[in-house]
Amino acid sequence: MKKICTLAALSATVFFLVNCSNKTGKAISGKPATSHFTDTTVYTPAQLNEGMALYKAPCAECHKLHAASEFNANDWDGILVGMLPRTHLSKSDGLTVRAYLLANAKKD
């Protein structure tokens, strides 16, 4: 029962973050996404691998990891706005995680 309540609370939080997010971003392979994030860096494959490792570490401490392809770029932007401040990641590391997620996000 506790797992069901936790899952319901997490689902409601993700739903809220996704629906209240700025929906202007769109990931295009090899190019930065345009959104309320101000990062315009084009990341290398090595940096994207680092982003994957950074994503796996702090996020799994609190909940099940979602596959990067589970959400589109707009959804990930909304989720990250709410979740990154809850981690110990620096702004730079947070942007690297974002780059990994957007590079592997579900394509619309």
N, C-alpha and C. Protein backbone atom coordinates (compact mmCIF):
# COMPACT_ATOMS: atom_id res chain seq x y z
N MET A 1 0.83 -1.19 0.00
CA MET A 1 0.00 0.00 0.00
C MET A 1 0.88 1.25 0.00
N LYS A 2 1.98 1.19 0.77
CA LYS A 2 2.88 2.34 0.84
C LYS A 2 3.48 2.64 -0.53
N LYS A 3 3.83 1.59 -1.29
CA LYS A 3 4.39 1.78 -2.63
C LYS A 3 3.37 2.43 -3.56
N ILE A 4 2.11 2.04 -3.44
CA ILE A 4 1.07 2.61 -4.29
C ILE A 4 0.90 4.10 -3.98
N CYS A 5 0.90 4.45 -2.69
CA CYS A 5 0.78 5.85 -2.31
C CYS A 5 1.97 6.66 -2.79
N THR A 6 3.16 6.09 -2.66
CA THR A 6 4.37 6.77 -3.11
C THR A 6 4.33 6.96 -4.62
N LEU A 7 3.93 5.94 -5.35
CA LEU A 7 3.83 6.03 -6.81
C LEU A 7 2.79 7.06 -7.22
N ALA A 8 1.67 7.09 -6.54
CA ALA A 8 0.63 8.07 -6.85
C ALA A 8 1.13 9.49 -6.59
N ALA A 9 1.85 9.70 -5.49
CA ALA A 9 2.38 11.02 -5.18
C ALA A 9 3.43 11.44 -6.20
N LEU A 10 4.30 10.52 -6.59
CA LEU A 10 5.31 10.83 -7.60
C LEU A 10 4.67 11.14 -8.94
N SER A 11 3.67 10.36 -9.32
CA SER A 11 2.97 10.59 -10.58
C SER A 11 2.30 11.96 -10.58
N ALA A 12 1.68 12.31 -9.47
CA ALA A 12 1.02 13.62 -9.38
C ALA A 12 2.04 14.75 -9.47
N THR A 13 3.20 14.57 -8.84
CA THR A 13 4.26 15.59 -8.90
C THR A 13 4.77 15.76 -10.32
N VAL A 14 5.06 14.65 -10.99
CA VAL A 14 5.54 14.72 -12.37
C VAL A 14 4.47 15.36 -13.26
N PHE A 15 3.22 14.95 -13.09
CA PHE A 15 2.13 15.53 -13.88
C PHE A 15 2.07 17.04 -13.67
N PHE A 16 2.16 17.49 -12.43
CA PHE A 16 2.12 18.91 -12.12
C PHE A 16 3.30 19.63 -12.76
N LEU A 17 4.51 19.09 -12.59
CA LEU A 17 5.69 19.74 -13.15
C LEU A 17 5.64 19.80 -14.67
N VAL A 18 5.18 18.75 -15.29
CA VAL A 18 5.11 18.70 -16.75
C VAL A 18 4.07 19.69 -17.27
N ASN A 19 2.92 19.73 -16.65
CA ASN A 19 1.85 20.60 -17.14
C ASN A 19 2.04 22.06 -16.79
N CYS A 20 2.88 22.35 -15.82
CA CYS A 20 3.13 23.74 -15.45
C CYS A 20 4.43 24.26 -16.03
N SER A 21 5.10 23.45 -16.81
CA SER A 21 6.39 23.85 -17.36
C SER A 21 6.24 24.75 -18.56
N ASN A 22 7.34 25.43 -18.87
CA ASN A 22 7.43 26.25 -20.06
C ASN A 22 7.56 25.30 -21.24
N LYS A 23 6.64 25.32 -22.18
CA LYS A 23 6.60 24.34 -23.27
C LYS A 23 7.26 24.85 -24.56
N THR A 24 8.23 25.77 -24.45
CA THR A 24 8.80 26.33 -25.67
C THR A 24 10.01 25.56 -26.17
N GLY A 25 10.61 24.68 -25.36
CA GLY A 25 11.83 23.99 -25.77
C GLY A 25 11.55 22.85 -26.73
N LYS A 26 12.49 22.59 -27.62
CA LYS A 26 12.40 21.44 -28.51
C LYS A 26 13.81 20.98 -28.81
N ALA A 27 14.08 19.73 -28.56
CA ALA A 27 15.42 19.20 -28.80
C ALA A 27 15.58 18.84 -30.26
N ILE A 28 16.69 19.26 -30.83
CA ILE A 28 17.06 18.92 -32.19
C ILE A 28 18.45 18.33 -32.09
N SER A 29 18.64 17.13 -32.63
CA SER A 29 19.92 16.45 -32.49
C SER A 29 21.08 17.36 -32.87
N GLY A 30 22.08 17.41 -32.00
CA GLY A 30 23.30 18.17 -32.27
C GLY A 30 23.17 19.66 -32.03
N LYS A 31 21.99 20.12 -31.65
CA LYS A 31 21.79 21.55 -31.41
C LYS A 31 21.20 21.72 -30.02
N PRO A 32 21.47 22.86 -29.39
CA PRO A 32 20.90 23.08 -28.07
C PRO A 32 19.39 23.30 -28.15
N ALA A 33 18.69 22.95 -27.09
CA ALA A 33 17.26 23.19 -27.03
C ALA A 33 17.01 24.64 -26.64
N THR A 34 15.91 25.19 -27.09
CA THR A 34 15.52 26.54 -26.72
C THR A 34 14.46 26.42 -25.64
N SER A 35 14.74 26.99 -24.49
CA SER A 35 13.78 26.92 -23.40
C SER A 35 14.15 27.97 -22.37
N HIS A 36 13.56 27.86 -21.20
CA HIS A 36 13.88 28.78 -20.13
C HIS A 36 15.27 28.52 -19.55
N PHE A 37 15.89 27.41 -19.91
CA PHE A 37 17.29 27.17 -19.58
C PHE A 37 18.12 28.04 -20.52
N THR A 38 19.18 28.63 -20.02
CA THR A 38 19.97 29.54 -20.85
C THR A 38 21.21 28.89 -21.45
N ASP A 39 21.39 27.61 -21.25
CA ASP A 39 22.56 26.91 -21.77
C ASP A 39 22.44 26.73 -23.29
N THR A 40 23.45 27.15 -24.03
CA THR A 40 23.46 26.99 -25.49
C THR A 40 24.66 26.17 -25.94
N THR A 41 25.26 25.44 -25.04
CA THR A 41 26.43 24.62 -25.34
C THR A 41 26.03 23.41 -26.17
N VAL A 42 26.85 23.06 -27.14
CA VAL A 42 26.69 21.80 -27.86
C VAL A 42 27.63 20.81 -27.18
N TYR A 43 27.07 19.73 -26.67
CA TYR A 43 27.82 18.78 -25.86
C TYR A 43 28.44 17.67 -26.72
N THR A 44 29.62 17.23 -26.31
CA THR A 44 30.31 16.13 -26.98
C THR A 44 29.74 14.80 -26.48
N PRO A 45 29.99 13.72 -27.21
CA PRO A 45 29.54 12.40 -26.72
C PRO A 45 30.09 12.08 -25.32
N ALA A 46 31.33 12.46 -25.05
CA ALA A 46 31.90 12.20 -23.72
C ALA A 46 31.14 12.98 -22.64
N GLN A 47 30.76 14.21 -22.94
CA GLN A 47 29.99 14.99 -21.97
C GLN A 47 28.60 14.40 -21.78
N LEU A 48 28.00 13.89 -22.85
CA LEU A 48 26.69 13.26 -22.72
C LEU A 48 26.78 11.99 -21.88
N ASN A 49 27.87 11.23 -22.01
CA ASN A 49 28.09 10.06 -21.15
C ASN A 49 28.23 10.48 -19.70
N GLU A 50 28.93 11.59 -19.47
CA GLU A 50 29.04 12.12 -18.11
C GLU A 50 27.66 12.52 -17.59
N GLY A 51 26.85 13.11 -18.45
CA GLY A 51 25.49 13.48 -18.06
C GLY A 51 24.67 12.28 -17.66
N MET A 52 24.85 11.17 -18.38
CA MET A 52 24.14 9.94 -18.04
C MET A 52 24.55 9.45 -16.65
N ALA A 53 25.85 9.47 -16.36
CA ALA A 53 26.33 9.03 -15.05
C ALA A 53 25.81 9.95 -13.95
N LEU A 54 25.83 11.25 -14.20
CA LEU A 54 25.33 12.20 -13.21
C LEU A 54 23.83 12.02 -12.99
N TYR A 55 23.10 11.71 -14.04
CA TYR A 55 21.65 11.49 -13.92
C TYR A 55 21.37 10.27 -13.06
N LYS A 56 22.13 9.22 -13.24
CA LYS A 56 21.87 7.97 -12.53
C LYS A 56 22.15 8.09 -11.03
N ALA A 57 23.16 8.85 -10.65
CA ALA A 57 23.57 8.88 -9.25
C ALA A 57 22.55 9.56 -8.33
N PRO A 58 22.31 10.86 -8.43
CA PRO A 58 21.44 11.49 -7.44
C PRO A 58 19.97 11.16 -7.62
N CYS A 59 19.54 10.95 -8.84
CA CYS A 59 18.11 10.71 -9.09
C CYS A 59 17.65 9.38 -8.50
N ALA A 60 18.50 8.37 -8.60
CA ALA A 60 18.14 7.05 -8.09
C ALA A 60 18.14 6.99 -6.57
N GLU A 61 18.70 8.00 -5.92
CA GLU A 61 18.68 8.02 -4.45
C GLU A 61 17.25 8.13 -3.92
N CYS A 62 16.38 8.80 -4.68
CA CYS A 62 15.03 9.07 -4.19
C CYS A 62 13.92 8.31 -4.91
N HIS A 63 14.14 7.93 -6.16
CA HIS A 63 13.07 7.28 -6.91
C HIS A 63 13.63 6.46 -8.06
N LYS A 64 12.75 5.69 -8.69
CA LYS A 64 13.09 4.90 -9.87
C LYS A 64 13.51 5.83 -11.00
N LEU A 65 14.55 5.45 -11.71
CA LEU A 65 14.98 6.26 -12.85
C LEU A 65 14.04 6.05 -14.02
N HIS A 66 13.76 7.12 -14.71
CA HIS A 66 12.98 7.05 -15.94
C HIS A 66 13.95 6.99 -17.11
N ALA A 67 13.60 6.23 -18.13
CA ALA A 67 14.43 6.19 -19.33
C ALA A 67 14.39 7.58 -19.97
N ALA A 68 15.50 8.03 -20.50
CA ALA A 68 15.55 9.35 -21.14
C ALA A 68 14.51 9.44 -22.25
N SER A 69 14.24 8.34 -22.92
CA SER A 69 13.30 8.32 -24.04
C SER A 69 11.84 8.26 -23.58
N GLU A 70 11.61 8.23 -22.28
CA GLU A 70 10.24 8.16 -21.77
C GLU A 70 9.50 9.49 -21.95
N PHE A 71 10.24 10.60 -21.93
CA PHE A 71 9.63 11.92 -22.04
C PHE A 71 10.25 12.68 -23.21
N ASN A 72 9.53 13.66 -23.75
CA ASN A 72 10.10 14.50 -24.79
C ASN A 72 10.88 15.65 -24.15
N ALA A 73 11.53 16.45 -24.97
CA ALA A 73 12.40 17.52 -24.45
C ALA A 73 11.63 18.52 -23.60
N ASN A 74 10.43 18.89 -24.02
CA ASN A 74 9.64 19.83 -23.23
C ASN A 74 9.31 19.27 -21.85
N ASP A 75 8.94 18.01 -21.82
CA ASP A 75 8.63 17.37 -20.54
C ASP A 75 9.86 17.34 -19.63
N TRP A 76 11.02 16.97 -20.19
CA TRP A 76 12.24 16.91 -19.38
C TRP A 76 12.58 18.29 -18.81
N ASP A 77 12.44 19.33 -19.62
CA ASP A 77 12.71 20.67 -19.10
C ASP A 77 11.84 20.97 -17.88
N GLY A 78 10.56 20.66 -17.99
CA GLY A 78 9.65 20.90 -16.87
C GLY A 78 10.00 20.08 -15.64
N ILE A 79 10.35 18.83 -15.85
CA ILE A 79 10.73 17.95 -14.74
C ILE A 79 12.00 18.46 -14.07
N LEU A 80 12.98 18.84 -14.88
CA LEU A 80 14.27 19.28 -14.34
C LEU A 80 14.17 20.56 -13.54
N VAL A 81 13.27 21.45 -13.94
CA VAL A 81 13.08 22.69 -13.19
C VAL A 81 12.73 22.38 -11.73
N GLY A 82 11.90 21.37 -11.54
CA GLY A 82 11.49 21.01 -10.19
C GLY A 82 12.46 20.09 -9.47
N MET A 83 13.17 19.26 -10.21
CA MET A 83 13.98 18.23 -9.58
C MET A 83 15.44 18.63 -9.34
N LEU A 84 16.05 19.37 -10.24
CA LEU A 84 17.48 19.70 -10.07
C LEU A 84 17.77 20.43 -8.76
N PRO A 85 16.91 21.36 -8.32
CA PRO A 85 17.21 22.03 -7.04
C PRO A 85 17.21 21.08 -5.84
N ARG A 86 16.65 19.89 -5.99
CA ARG A 86 16.61 18.91 -4.89
C ARG A 86 17.88 18.06 -4.83
N THR A 87 18.78 18.25 -5.79
CA THR A 87 20.00 17.45 -5.84
C THR A 87 21.18 18.27 -5.34
N HIS A 88 22.32 17.61 -5.20
CA HIS A 88 23.56 18.27 -4.82
C HIS A 88 24.36 18.73 -6.04
N LEU A 89 23.78 18.59 -7.24
CA LEU A 89 24.51 18.91 -8.46
C LEU A 89 24.75 20.41 -8.62
N SER A 90 25.91 20.73 -9.15
CA SER A 90 26.20 22.13 -9.49
C SER A 90 25.36 22.51 -10.70
N LYS A 91 25.29 23.81 -10.99
CA LYS A 91 24.54 24.26 -12.17
C LYS A 91 25.13 23.63 -13.44
N SER A 92 26.44 23.59 -13.53
CA SER A 92 27.11 23.00 -14.69
C SER A 92 26.75 21.52 -14.84
N ASP A 93 26.79 20.78 -13.74
CA ASP A 93 26.44 19.37 -13.79
C ASP A 93 24.96 19.19 -14.15
N GLY A 94 24.11 20.05 -13.62
CA GLY A 94 22.69 19.98 -13.95
C GLY A 94 22.45 20.19 -15.44
N LEU A 95 23.20 21.11 -16.04
CA LEU A 95 23.07 21.34 -17.48
C LEU A 95 23.59 20.16 -18.27
N THR A 96 24.61 19.48 -17.75
CA THR A 96 25.13 18.28 -18.42
C THR A 96 24.10 17.16 -18.37
N VAL A 97 23.42 17.00 -17.24
CA VAL A 97 22.33 16.02 -17.13
C VAL A 97 21.23 16.38 -18.12
N ARG A 98 20.87 17.65 -18.18
CA ARG A 98 19.83 18.10 -19.12
C ARG A 98 20.23 17.77 -20.55
N ALA A 99 21.49 18.02 -20.90
CA ALA A 99 21.96 17.74 -22.27
C ALA A 99 21.81 16.26 -22.59
N TYR A 100 22.17 15.39 -21.65
CA TYR A 100 22.02 13.94 -21.86
C TYR A 100 20.55 13.58 -22.08
N LEU A 101 19.68 14.09 -21.21
CA LEU A 101 18.26 13.75 -21.30
C LEU A 101 17.65 14.26 -22.60
N LEU A 102 17.97 15.49 -22.99
CA LEU A 102 17.40 16.04 -24.22
C LEU A 102 17.94 15.34 -25.46
N ALA A 103 19.20 14.96 -25.42
CA ALA A 103 19.79 14.27 -26.57
C ALA A 103 19.15 12.90 -26.78
N ASN A 104 18.62 12.33 -25.70
CA ASN A 104 18.02 10.99 -25.77
C ASN A 104 16.51 10.99 -25.54
N ALA A 105 15.91 12.18 -25.55
CA ALA A 105 14.48 12.31 -25.29
C ALA A 105 13.64 11.72 -26.41
N LYS A 106 12.41 11.39 -26.06
CA LYS A 106 11.45 10.91 -27.06
C LYS A 106 11.27 12.01 -28.11
N LYS A 107 11.31 11.63 -29.35
CA LYS A 107 11.13 12.58 -30.45
C LYS A 107 9.64 12.74 -30.71
N ASP A 108 9.20 13.97 -30.86
CA ASP A 108 7.77 14.24 -31.14
C ASP A 108 7.42 13.96 -32.58
